[in-house]
N, C-alpha and C. Protein backbone atom coordinates (compact mmCIF):
# COMPACT_ATOMS: atom_id res chain seq x y z
N MET A 1 -15.83 -77.96 -56.90
CA MET A 1 -15.73 -76.72 -56.17
C MET A 1 -14.68 -75.83 -56.82
N THR A 2 -14.99 -74.60 -56.88
CA THR A 2 -14.04 -73.67 -57.48
C THR A 2 -13.11 -73.13 -56.41
N SER A 3 -12.02 -72.54 -56.85
CA SER A 3 -11.05 -72.02 -55.89
C SER A 3 -11.64 -70.87 -55.07
N GLY A 4 -12.57 -70.14 -55.64
CA GLY A 4 -13.22 -69.04 -54.90
C GLY A 4 -14.07 -69.57 -53.77
N SER A 5 -14.79 -70.65 -54.02
CA SER A 5 -15.65 -71.19 -52.96
C SER A 5 -14.80 -71.87 -51.88
N VAL A 6 -13.62 -72.42 -52.25
CA VAL A 6 -12.73 -73.01 -51.26
C VAL A 6 -12.20 -71.91 -50.35
N ARG A 7 -11.84 -70.76 -50.94
CA ARG A 7 -11.35 -69.65 -50.14
C ARG A 7 -12.43 -69.15 -49.18
N ILE A 8 -13.64 -69.06 -49.65
CA ILE A 8 -14.75 -68.61 -48.80
C ILE A 8 -14.96 -69.61 -47.67
N GLY A 9 -14.88 -70.89 -47.97
CA GLY A 9 -15.06 -71.92 -46.94
C GLY A 9 -13.96 -71.85 -45.89
N ARG A 10 -12.73 -71.64 -46.35
CA ARG A 10 -11.63 -71.50 -45.40
C ARG A 10 -11.76 -70.23 -44.57
N ALA A 11 -12.21 -69.16 -45.16
CA ALA A 11 -12.40 -67.90 -44.45
C ALA A 11 -13.48 -68.05 -43.39
N ARG A 12 -14.56 -68.76 -43.75
CA ARG A 12 -15.62 -69.01 -42.77
C ARG A 12 -15.10 -69.86 -41.62
N SER A 13 -14.35 -70.89 -41.93
CA SER A 13 -13.79 -71.76 -40.89
C SER A 13 -12.87 -70.97 -39.97
N ALA A 14 -12.04 -70.13 -40.56
CA ALA A 14 -11.14 -69.30 -39.76
C ALA A 14 -11.93 -68.33 -38.89
N ALA A 15 -12.99 -67.75 -39.45
CA ALA A 15 -13.82 -66.81 -38.68
C ALA A 15 -14.49 -67.54 -37.52
N PHE A 16 -15.00 -68.73 -37.77
CA PHE A 16 -15.63 -69.50 -36.69
C PHE A 16 -14.61 -69.88 -35.61
N ALA A 17 -13.40 -70.20 -36.02
CA ALA A 17 -12.35 -70.56 -35.06
C ALA A 17 -11.99 -69.35 -34.19
N VAL A 18 -11.87 -68.19 -34.83
CA VAL A 18 -11.56 -66.96 -34.09
C VAL A 18 -12.71 -66.62 -33.15
N LEU A 19 -13.94 -66.75 -33.62
CA LEU A 19 -15.11 -66.48 -32.79
C LEU A 19 -15.15 -67.43 -31.59
N ALA A 20 -14.89 -68.70 -31.81
CA ALA A 20 -14.87 -69.68 -30.72
C ALA A 20 -13.78 -69.33 -29.71
N LEU A 21 -12.62 -68.96 -30.20
CA LEU A 21 -11.51 -68.57 -29.33
C LEU A 21 -11.88 -67.34 -28.50
N LEU A 22 -12.53 -66.36 -29.11
CA LEU A 22 -12.96 -65.17 -28.39
C LEU A 22 -14.00 -65.50 -27.32
N LEU A 23 -14.92 -66.41 -27.65
CA LEU A 23 -15.92 -66.82 -26.66
C LEU A 23 -15.28 -67.52 -25.47
N VAL A 24 -14.34 -68.40 -25.73
CA VAL A 24 -13.65 -69.10 -24.65
C VAL A 24 -12.86 -68.10 -23.79
N ALA A 25 -12.15 -67.18 -24.43
CA ALA A 25 -11.39 -66.17 -23.70
C ALA A 25 -12.31 -65.30 -22.86
N SER A 26 -13.46 -64.92 -23.41
CA SER A 26 -14.42 -64.10 -22.66
C SER A 26 -14.95 -64.86 -21.45
N ALA A 27 -15.26 -66.11 -21.63
CA ALA A 27 -15.76 -66.93 -20.52
C ALA A 27 -14.72 -67.04 -19.41
N ILE A 28 -13.48 -67.25 -19.79
CA ILE A 28 -12.40 -67.34 -18.80
C ILE A 28 -12.25 -66.01 -18.07
N TRP A 29 -12.28 -64.92 -18.80
CA TRP A 29 -12.16 -63.59 -18.19
C TRP A 29 -13.30 -63.33 -17.22
N LEU A 30 -14.53 -63.63 -17.63
CA LEU A 30 -15.68 -63.44 -16.75
C LEU A 30 -15.59 -64.32 -15.50
N TYR A 31 -15.17 -65.57 -15.67
CA TYR A 31 -15.05 -66.47 -14.53
C TYR A 31 -13.99 -65.98 -13.56
N SER A 32 -12.84 -65.54 -14.09
CA SER A 32 -11.78 -65.08 -13.19
C SER A 32 -12.21 -63.82 -12.45
N GLY A 33 -12.97 -62.95 -13.09
CA GLY A 33 -13.49 -61.76 -12.42
C GLY A 33 -14.45 -62.13 -11.31
N THR A 34 -15.29 -63.11 -11.54
CA THR A 34 -16.22 -63.59 -10.53
C THR A 34 -15.46 -64.22 -9.37
N ALA A 35 -14.45 -65.01 -9.67
CA ALA A 35 -13.65 -65.65 -8.61
C ALA A 35 -12.93 -64.60 -7.77
N THR A 36 -12.42 -63.56 -8.41
CA THR A 36 -11.74 -62.49 -7.69
C THR A 36 -12.72 -61.75 -6.78
N ARG A 37 -13.93 -61.47 -7.30
CA ARG A 37 -14.94 -60.80 -6.48
C ARG A 37 -15.33 -61.67 -5.29
N ARG A 38 -15.49 -62.96 -5.51
CA ARG A 38 -15.84 -63.87 -4.42
C ARG A 38 -14.72 -63.89 -3.37
N ALA A 39 -13.48 -63.94 -3.81
CA ALA A 39 -12.35 -63.95 -2.88
C ALA A 39 -12.30 -62.65 -2.06
N THR A 40 -12.57 -61.53 -2.70
CA THR A 40 -12.59 -60.24 -2.01
C THR A 40 -13.73 -60.20 -1.00
N GLU A 41 -14.91 -60.67 -1.39
CA GLU A 41 -16.05 -60.70 -0.47
C GLU A 41 -15.76 -61.60 0.73
N THR A 42 -15.14 -62.74 0.49
CA THR A 42 -14.79 -63.66 1.58
C THR A 42 -13.77 -63.01 2.51
N ALA A 43 -12.76 -62.36 1.94
CA ALA A 43 -11.74 -61.68 2.76
C ALA A 43 -12.37 -60.60 3.61
N ARG A 44 -13.26 -59.82 3.03
CA ARG A 44 -13.93 -58.76 3.79
C ARG A 44 -14.76 -59.35 4.93
N ALA A 45 -15.50 -60.41 4.65
CA ALA A 45 -16.32 -61.04 5.70
C ALA A 45 -15.43 -61.58 6.82
N ASP A 46 -14.31 -62.18 6.46
CA ASP A 46 -13.38 -62.69 7.47
C ASP A 46 -12.79 -61.54 8.29
N ALA A 47 -12.47 -60.43 7.64
CA ALA A 47 -11.92 -59.26 8.34
C ALA A 47 -12.95 -58.69 9.32
N VAL A 48 -14.20 -58.63 8.90
CA VAL A 48 -15.26 -58.11 9.78
C VAL A 48 -15.42 -59.02 11.00
N ALA A 49 -15.45 -60.33 10.78
CA ALA A 49 -15.59 -61.27 11.90
C ALA A 49 -14.42 -61.13 12.88
N ALA A 50 -13.21 -61.03 12.34
CA ALA A 50 -12.03 -60.87 13.20
C ALA A 50 -12.08 -59.54 13.94
N ALA A 51 -12.52 -58.48 13.28
CA ALA A 51 -12.61 -57.17 13.93
C ALA A 51 -13.60 -57.22 15.09
N ARG A 52 -14.75 -57.83 14.88
CA ARG A 52 -15.77 -57.92 15.94
C ARG A 52 -15.21 -58.64 17.17
N GLU A 53 -14.58 -59.77 16.94
CA GLU A 53 -14.01 -60.55 18.05
C GLU A 53 -12.89 -59.78 18.74
N SER A 54 -12.01 -59.20 17.96
CA SER A 54 -10.84 -58.50 18.52
C SER A 54 -11.24 -57.27 19.32
N ILE A 55 -12.20 -56.51 18.82
CA ILE A 55 -12.66 -55.32 19.55
C ILE A 55 -13.23 -55.73 20.90
N ALA A 56 -14.06 -56.74 20.91
CA ALA A 56 -14.66 -57.20 22.18
C ALA A 56 -13.57 -57.66 23.14
N GLU A 57 -12.57 -58.36 22.64
CA GLU A 57 -11.49 -58.85 23.50
C GLU A 57 -10.64 -57.73 24.07
N MET A 58 -10.33 -56.73 23.25
CA MET A 58 -9.43 -55.68 23.73
C MET A 58 -10.13 -54.64 24.61
N LEU A 59 -11.47 -54.66 24.64
CA LEU A 59 -12.19 -53.68 25.45
C LEU A 59 -12.96 -54.31 26.61
N SER A 60 -12.74 -55.60 26.86
CA SER A 60 -13.45 -56.30 27.95
C SER A 60 -12.44 -56.84 28.96
N TYR A 61 -12.70 -56.60 30.24
CA TYR A 61 -11.79 -57.09 31.29
C TYR A 61 -12.47 -57.00 32.64
N ARG A 62 -11.91 -57.69 33.59
CA ARG A 62 -12.33 -57.64 34.99
C ARG A 62 -11.10 -57.33 35.83
N PRO A 63 -11.28 -56.80 37.04
CA PRO A 63 -10.11 -56.42 37.85
C PRO A 63 -9.13 -57.56 38.10
N ASP A 64 -9.65 -58.76 38.37
CA ASP A 64 -8.77 -59.87 38.71
C ASP A 64 -8.09 -60.52 37.50
N THR A 65 -8.60 -60.26 36.30
CA THR A 65 -8.02 -60.88 35.11
C THR A 65 -7.57 -59.85 34.07
N ALA A 66 -7.61 -58.57 34.42
CA ALA A 66 -7.30 -57.51 33.44
C ALA A 66 -5.92 -57.68 32.81
N GLU A 67 -4.93 -57.92 33.62
CA GLU A 67 -3.57 -58.02 33.08
C GLU A 67 -3.45 -59.16 32.07
N ALA A 68 -3.89 -60.34 32.44
CA ALA A 68 -3.78 -61.50 31.54
C ALA A 68 -4.64 -61.32 30.30
N LYS A 69 -5.86 -60.85 30.49
CA LYS A 69 -6.80 -60.72 29.37
C LYS A 69 -6.36 -59.65 28.37
N LEU A 70 -5.97 -58.50 28.87
CA LEU A 70 -5.58 -57.41 27.98
C LEU A 70 -4.24 -57.69 27.31
N ASN A 71 -3.33 -58.34 28.03
CA ASN A 71 -2.06 -58.73 27.39
C ASN A 71 -2.31 -59.78 26.30
N ALA A 72 -3.26 -60.68 26.52
CA ALA A 72 -3.59 -61.68 25.50
C ALA A 72 -4.21 -61.03 24.27
N ALA A 73 -4.96 -59.96 24.47
CA ALA A 73 -5.59 -59.25 23.35
C ALA A 73 -4.56 -58.64 22.41
N ARG A 74 -3.34 -58.41 22.91
CA ARG A 74 -2.29 -57.84 22.05
C ARG A 74 -1.99 -58.75 20.85
N ASP A 75 -2.24 -60.05 20.99
CA ASP A 75 -1.99 -60.97 19.88
C ASP A 75 -2.90 -60.71 18.69
N ARG A 76 -3.90 -59.88 18.87
CA ARG A 76 -4.85 -59.56 17.81
C ARG A 76 -4.52 -58.24 17.11
N LEU A 77 -3.38 -57.63 17.50
CA LEU A 77 -3.02 -56.30 17.01
C LEU A 77 -1.67 -56.33 16.32
N THR A 78 -1.38 -55.28 15.55
CA THR A 78 -0.10 -55.19 14.86
C THR A 78 0.28 -53.73 14.64
N GLY A 79 1.54 -53.54 14.30
CA GLY A 79 2.04 -52.22 13.91
C GLY A 79 2.03 -51.20 15.02
N PRO A 80 1.99 -49.92 14.65
CA PRO A 80 2.01 -48.85 15.64
C PRO A 80 0.82 -48.91 16.60
N PHE A 81 -0.32 -49.43 16.13
CA PHE A 81 -1.46 -49.53 17.04
C PHE A 81 -1.17 -50.49 18.18
N LEU A 82 -0.47 -51.57 17.90
CA LEU A 82 -0.08 -52.51 18.95
C LEU A 82 0.75 -51.80 20.01
N GLU A 83 1.70 -50.98 19.58
CA GLU A 83 2.55 -50.24 20.52
C GLU A 83 1.72 -49.27 21.37
N SER A 84 0.81 -48.54 20.74
CA SER A 84 -0.04 -47.59 21.47
C SER A 84 -0.93 -48.30 22.47
N TYR A 85 -1.54 -49.39 22.03
CA TYR A 85 -2.42 -50.17 22.91
C TYR A 85 -1.64 -50.71 24.10
N ASN A 86 -0.47 -51.26 23.83
CA ASN A 86 0.34 -51.82 24.91
C ASN A 86 0.70 -50.76 25.94
N GLN A 87 1.10 -49.60 25.49
CA GLN A 87 1.45 -48.52 26.40
C GLN A 87 0.23 -48.10 27.22
N LEU A 88 -0.92 -47.97 26.60
CA LEU A 88 -2.14 -47.56 27.29
C LEU A 88 -2.56 -48.59 28.35
N ILE A 89 -2.56 -49.87 27.98
CA ILE A 89 -3.01 -50.86 28.97
C ILE A 89 -2.03 -51.00 30.13
N GLN A 90 -0.73 -50.86 29.85
CA GLN A 90 0.26 -51.01 30.92
C GLN A 90 0.28 -49.83 31.88
N THR A 91 0.08 -48.62 31.36
CA THR A 91 0.20 -47.44 32.21
C THR A 91 -1.12 -46.93 32.78
N VAL A 92 -2.24 -47.23 32.12
CA VAL A 92 -3.52 -46.67 32.55
C VAL A 92 -4.56 -47.75 32.87
N VAL A 93 -4.85 -48.59 31.92
CA VAL A 93 -6.01 -49.49 32.04
C VAL A 93 -5.80 -50.57 33.10
N ILE A 94 -4.72 -51.33 33.03
CA ILE A 94 -4.50 -52.41 34.00
C ILE A 94 -4.36 -51.87 35.42
N PRO A 95 -3.53 -50.82 35.65
CA PRO A 95 -3.47 -50.28 37.02
C PRO A 95 -4.82 -49.76 37.50
N GLY A 96 -5.56 -49.08 36.64
CA GLY A 96 -6.88 -48.57 37.03
C GLY A 96 -7.86 -49.68 37.32
N ALA A 97 -7.84 -50.73 36.49
CA ALA A 97 -8.76 -51.85 36.68
C ALA A 97 -8.52 -52.55 38.01
N THR A 98 -7.25 -52.75 38.36
CA THR A 98 -6.95 -53.46 39.61
C THR A 98 -7.15 -52.57 40.83
N GLN A 99 -6.76 -51.31 40.76
CA GLN A 99 -6.86 -50.42 41.92
C GLN A 99 -8.30 -49.97 42.18
N LYS A 100 -9.03 -49.65 41.11
CA LYS A 100 -10.38 -49.11 41.26
C LYS A 100 -11.47 -50.16 41.05
N LYS A 101 -11.05 -51.41 40.83
CA LYS A 101 -12.00 -52.52 40.62
C LYS A 101 -12.94 -52.23 39.45
N ILE A 102 -12.33 -51.93 38.31
CA ILE A 102 -13.10 -51.60 37.11
C ILE A 102 -13.35 -52.87 36.30
N THR A 103 -14.59 -53.01 35.88
CA THR A 103 -14.99 -54.11 35.00
C THR A 103 -15.56 -53.50 33.73
N ALA A 104 -15.12 -54.00 32.59
CA ALA A 104 -15.61 -53.52 31.30
C ALA A 104 -16.05 -54.71 30.46
N ALA A 105 -17.17 -54.55 29.79
CA ALA A 105 -17.67 -55.59 28.89
C ALA A 105 -18.08 -54.92 27.59
N ALA A 106 -17.50 -55.36 26.49
CA ALA A 106 -17.79 -54.76 25.20
C ALA A 106 -18.40 -55.79 24.25
N GLN A 107 -19.32 -55.30 23.43
CA GLN A 107 -19.93 -56.10 22.37
C GLN A 107 -19.92 -55.27 21.10
N VAL A 108 -19.92 -55.96 19.97
CA VAL A 108 -19.98 -55.28 18.68
C VAL A 108 -21.23 -55.79 17.97
N PRO A 109 -22.36 -55.11 18.17
CA PRO A 109 -23.60 -55.60 17.57
C PRO A 109 -23.69 -55.41 16.06
N ALA A 110 -22.88 -54.50 15.52
CA ALA A 110 -22.92 -54.27 14.07
C ALA A 110 -21.55 -53.88 13.56
N ALA A 111 -21.19 -54.44 12.42
CA ALA A 111 -19.92 -54.09 11.77
C ALA A 111 -20.02 -54.42 10.30
N ALA A 112 -19.31 -53.65 9.49
CA ALA A 112 -19.31 -53.89 8.05
C ALA A 112 -18.01 -53.38 7.45
N ALA A 113 -17.56 -54.05 6.41
CA ALA A 113 -16.38 -53.61 5.68
C ALA A 113 -16.78 -52.43 4.79
N ILE A 114 -16.00 -51.37 4.85
CA ILE A 114 -16.27 -50.23 3.98
C ILE A 114 -15.29 -50.19 2.80
N SER A 115 -14.21 -50.96 2.91
CA SER A 115 -13.29 -51.13 1.79
C SER A 115 -12.40 -52.31 2.12
N GLY A 116 -11.70 -52.78 1.12
CA GLY A 116 -10.75 -53.84 1.41
C GLY A 116 -10.53 -54.82 0.29
N GLY A 117 -9.55 -55.67 0.53
CA GLY A 117 -9.17 -56.68 -0.43
C GLY A 117 -8.66 -57.90 0.29
N ALA A 118 -7.77 -58.63 -0.34
CA ALA A 118 -7.30 -59.90 0.19
C ALA A 118 -6.47 -59.76 1.47
N ASP A 119 -5.72 -58.66 1.63
CA ASP A 119 -4.81 -58.53 2.77
C ASP A 119 -5.02 -57.30 3.63
N ARG A 120 -5.99 -56.47 3.26
CA ARG A 120 -6.24 -55.25 4.04
C ARG A 120 -7.70 -54.88 3.90
N ALA A 121 -8.30 -54.47 5.01
CA ALA A 121 -9.71 -54.05 4.98
C ALA A 121 -9.92 -52.96 6.02
N VAL A 122 -10.90 -52.13 5.75
CA VAL A 122 -11.32 -51.11 6.71
C VAL A 122 -12.75 -51.46 7.12
N VAL A 123 -12.95 -51.56 8.43
CA VAL A 123 -14.23 -51.99 8.98
C VAL A 123 -14.80 -50.87 9.84
N LEU A 124 -16.07 -50.60 9.67
CA LEU A 124 -16.78 -49.67 10.52
C LEU A 124 -17.56 -50.51 11.53
N ALA A 125 -17.35 -50.26 12.82
CA ALA A 125 -17.97 -51.07 13.87
C ALA A 125 -18.70 -50.18 14.88
N TYR A 126 -19.83 -50.66 15.31
CA TYR A 126 -20.61 -50.03 16.36
C TYR A 126 -20.34 -50.81 17.64
N VAL A 127 -19.89 -50.12 18.69
CA VAL A 127 -19.45 -50.80 19.91
C VAL A 127 -20.35 -50.38 21.08
N ASP A 128 -20.87 -51.37 21.81
CA ASP A 128 -21.58 -51.15 23.07
C ASP A 128 -20.63 -51.58 24.17
N GLN A 129 -20.41 -50.70 25.15
CA GLN A 129 -19.54 -51.07 26.27
C GLN A 129 -20.21 -50.69 27.58
N SER A 130 -20.11 -51.60 28.52
CA SER A 130 -20.62 -51.39 29.87
C SER A 130 -19.41 -51.31 30.79
N LEU A 131 -19.40 -50.30 31.67
CA LEU A 131 -18.26 -50.08 32.56
C LEU A 131 -18.78 -49.88 33.98
N SER A 132 -18.20 -50.63 34.91
CA SER A 132 -18.58 -50.43 36.32
C SER A 132 -17.31 -50.28 37.16
N VAL A 133 -17.39 -49.39 38.11
CA VAL A 133 -16.28 -49.11 39.02
C VAL A 133 -16.72 -49.56 40.41
N GLY A 134 -15.97 -50.52 40.95
CA GLY A 134 -16.31 -51.05 42.27
C GLY A 134 -17.70 -51.66 42.26
N SER A 135 -18.52 -51.26 43.23
CA SER A 135 -19.88 -51.81 43.32
C SER A 135 -20.92 -50.87 42.71
N ALA A 136 -20.47 -49.82 42.06
CA ALA A 136 -21.40 -48.88 41.43
C ALA A 136 -22.12 -49.53 40.26
N ALA A 137 -23.29 -49.00 39.96
CA ALA A 137 -24.06 -49.50 38.82
C ALA A 137 -23.28 -49.25 37.53
N PRO A 138 -23.37 -50.17 36.60
CA PRO A 138 -22.63 -49.99 35.35
C PRO A 138 -23.18 -48.83 34.51
N THR A 139 -22.29 -48.18 33.80
CA THR A 139 -22.68 -47.17 32.83
C THR A 139 -22.45 -47.75 31.45
N ARG A 140 -23.32 -47.40 30.53
CA ARG A 140 -23.21 -47.91 29.17
C ARG A 140 -22.80 -46.79 28.23
N THR A 141 -21.91 -47.11 27.33
CA THR A 141 -21.52 -46.16 26.30
C THR A 141 -21.62 -46.85 24.95
N ASN A 142 -21.95 -46.07 23.97
CA ASN A 142 -22.01 -46.55 22.59
C ASN A 142 -21.08 -45.70 21.76
N SER A 143 -20.36 -46.34 20.86
CA SER A 143 -19.44 -45.58 20.01
C SER A 143 -19.29 -46.29 18.67
N SER A 144 -18.75 -45.58 17.75
CA SER A 144 -18.42 -46.13 16.43
C SER A 144 -16.93 -45.98 16.21
N VAL A 145 -16.33 -46.99 15.62
CA VAL A 145 -14.90 -46.95 15.35
C VAL A 145 -14.62 -47.39 13.92
N ARG A 146 -13.56 -46.83 13.40
CA ARG A 146 -13.05 -47.22 12.09
C ARG A 146 -11.82 -48.07 12.37
N VAL A 147 -11.87 -49.35 11.98
CA VAL A 147 -10.82 -50.29 12.31
C VAL A 147 -10.13 -50.73 11.01
N THR A 148 -8.81 -50.58 10.99
CA THR A 148 -8.04 -51.06 9.85
C THR A 148 -7.52 -52.45 10.19
N MET A 149 -7.80 -53.40 9.31
CA MET A 149 -7.41 -54.78 9.51
C MET A 149 -6.36 -55.15 8.46
N GLU A 150 -5.34 -55.89 8.91
CA GLU A 150 -4.32 -56.39 7.99
C GLU A 150 -4.18 -57.89 8.19
N LYS A 151 -4.07 -58.59 7.09
CA LYS A 151 -3.91 -60.04 7.16
C LYS A 151 -2.42 -60.37 7.12
N LEU A 152 -1.93 -60.92 8.23
CA LEU A 152 -0.52 -61.29 8.35
C LEU A 152 -0.45 -62.75 8.77
N ASP A 153 0.32 -63.53 8.05
CA ASP A 153 0.48 -64.95 8.35
C ASP A 153 -0.86 -65.66 8.49
N GLY A 154 -1.81 -65.29 7.63
CA GLY A 154 -3.11 -65.95 7.62
C GLY A 154 -4.10 -65.48 8.68
N ARG A 155 -3.74 -64.46 9.47
CA ARG A 155 -4.63 -63.95 10.52
C ARG A 155 -4.93 -62.48 10.29
N TRP A 156 -6.19 -62.09 10.52
CA TRP A 156 -6.58 -60.70 10.45
C TRP A 156 -6.27 -60.02 11.78
N LEU A 157 -5.46 -58.96 11.73
CA LEU A 157 -5.04 -58.23 12.92
C LEU A 157 -5.42 -56.76 12.80
N ILE A 158 -5.71 -56.13 13.92
CA ILE A 158 -6.04 -54.71 13.92
C ILE A 158 -4.74 -53.90 13.83
N SER A 159 -4.66 -53.03 12.83
CA SER A 159 -3.49 -52.16 12.70
C SER A 159 -3.85 -50.69 12.89
N GLY A 160 -5.13 -50.42 12.98
CA GLY A 160 -5.59 -49.05 13.23
C GLY A 160 -6.94 -49.08 13.91
N PHE A 161 -7.16 -48.15 14.83
CA PHE A 161 -8.40 -48.11 15.62
C PHE A 161 -8.73 -46.65 15.87
N ASP A 162 -9.69 -46.11 15.13
CA ASP A 162 -9.98 -44.69 15.21
C ASP A 162 -11.44 -44.45 15.56
N PRO A 163 -11.72 -43.91 16.76
CA PRO A 163 -13.09 -43.56 17.11
C PRO A 163 -13.60 -42.49 16.14
N ILE A 164 -14.88 -42.60 15.78
CA ILE A 164 -15.47 -41.59 14.87
C ILE A 164 -16.75 -41.03 15.47
């Protein structure tokens, strides 16, 4: 073998090594991107499930259990929204529910994440609520809300609730 052919052989070996390294790096990059997308999709799905449950809990009550039920729903909220909700239930909702015998039942038949990541998501939810005062027939209302969810200590909590 001549020195020229040895150089060509070494150059080919080096090129193949570089190509193999690039292929491995590309595979790792593609896999990590897929894993990140899966984690984001899972986080969004978890945020939507938590939003559906939390909305139903914070908007459903009966006169005899309103105080306990609505106060328990506060555990699903955070930030300034928690403060606003607490003030509203203490000054308006609980007194009204007990004095006027108001019963409310809420369901969230549809919800979807419109944005989000591992620790924060925005969910659009369609809410059906039935409200009855005393022995009167219930009235039904339908609404849509934009709910901001934040993951704190492993739990998805509502930090914003905006009717749209």
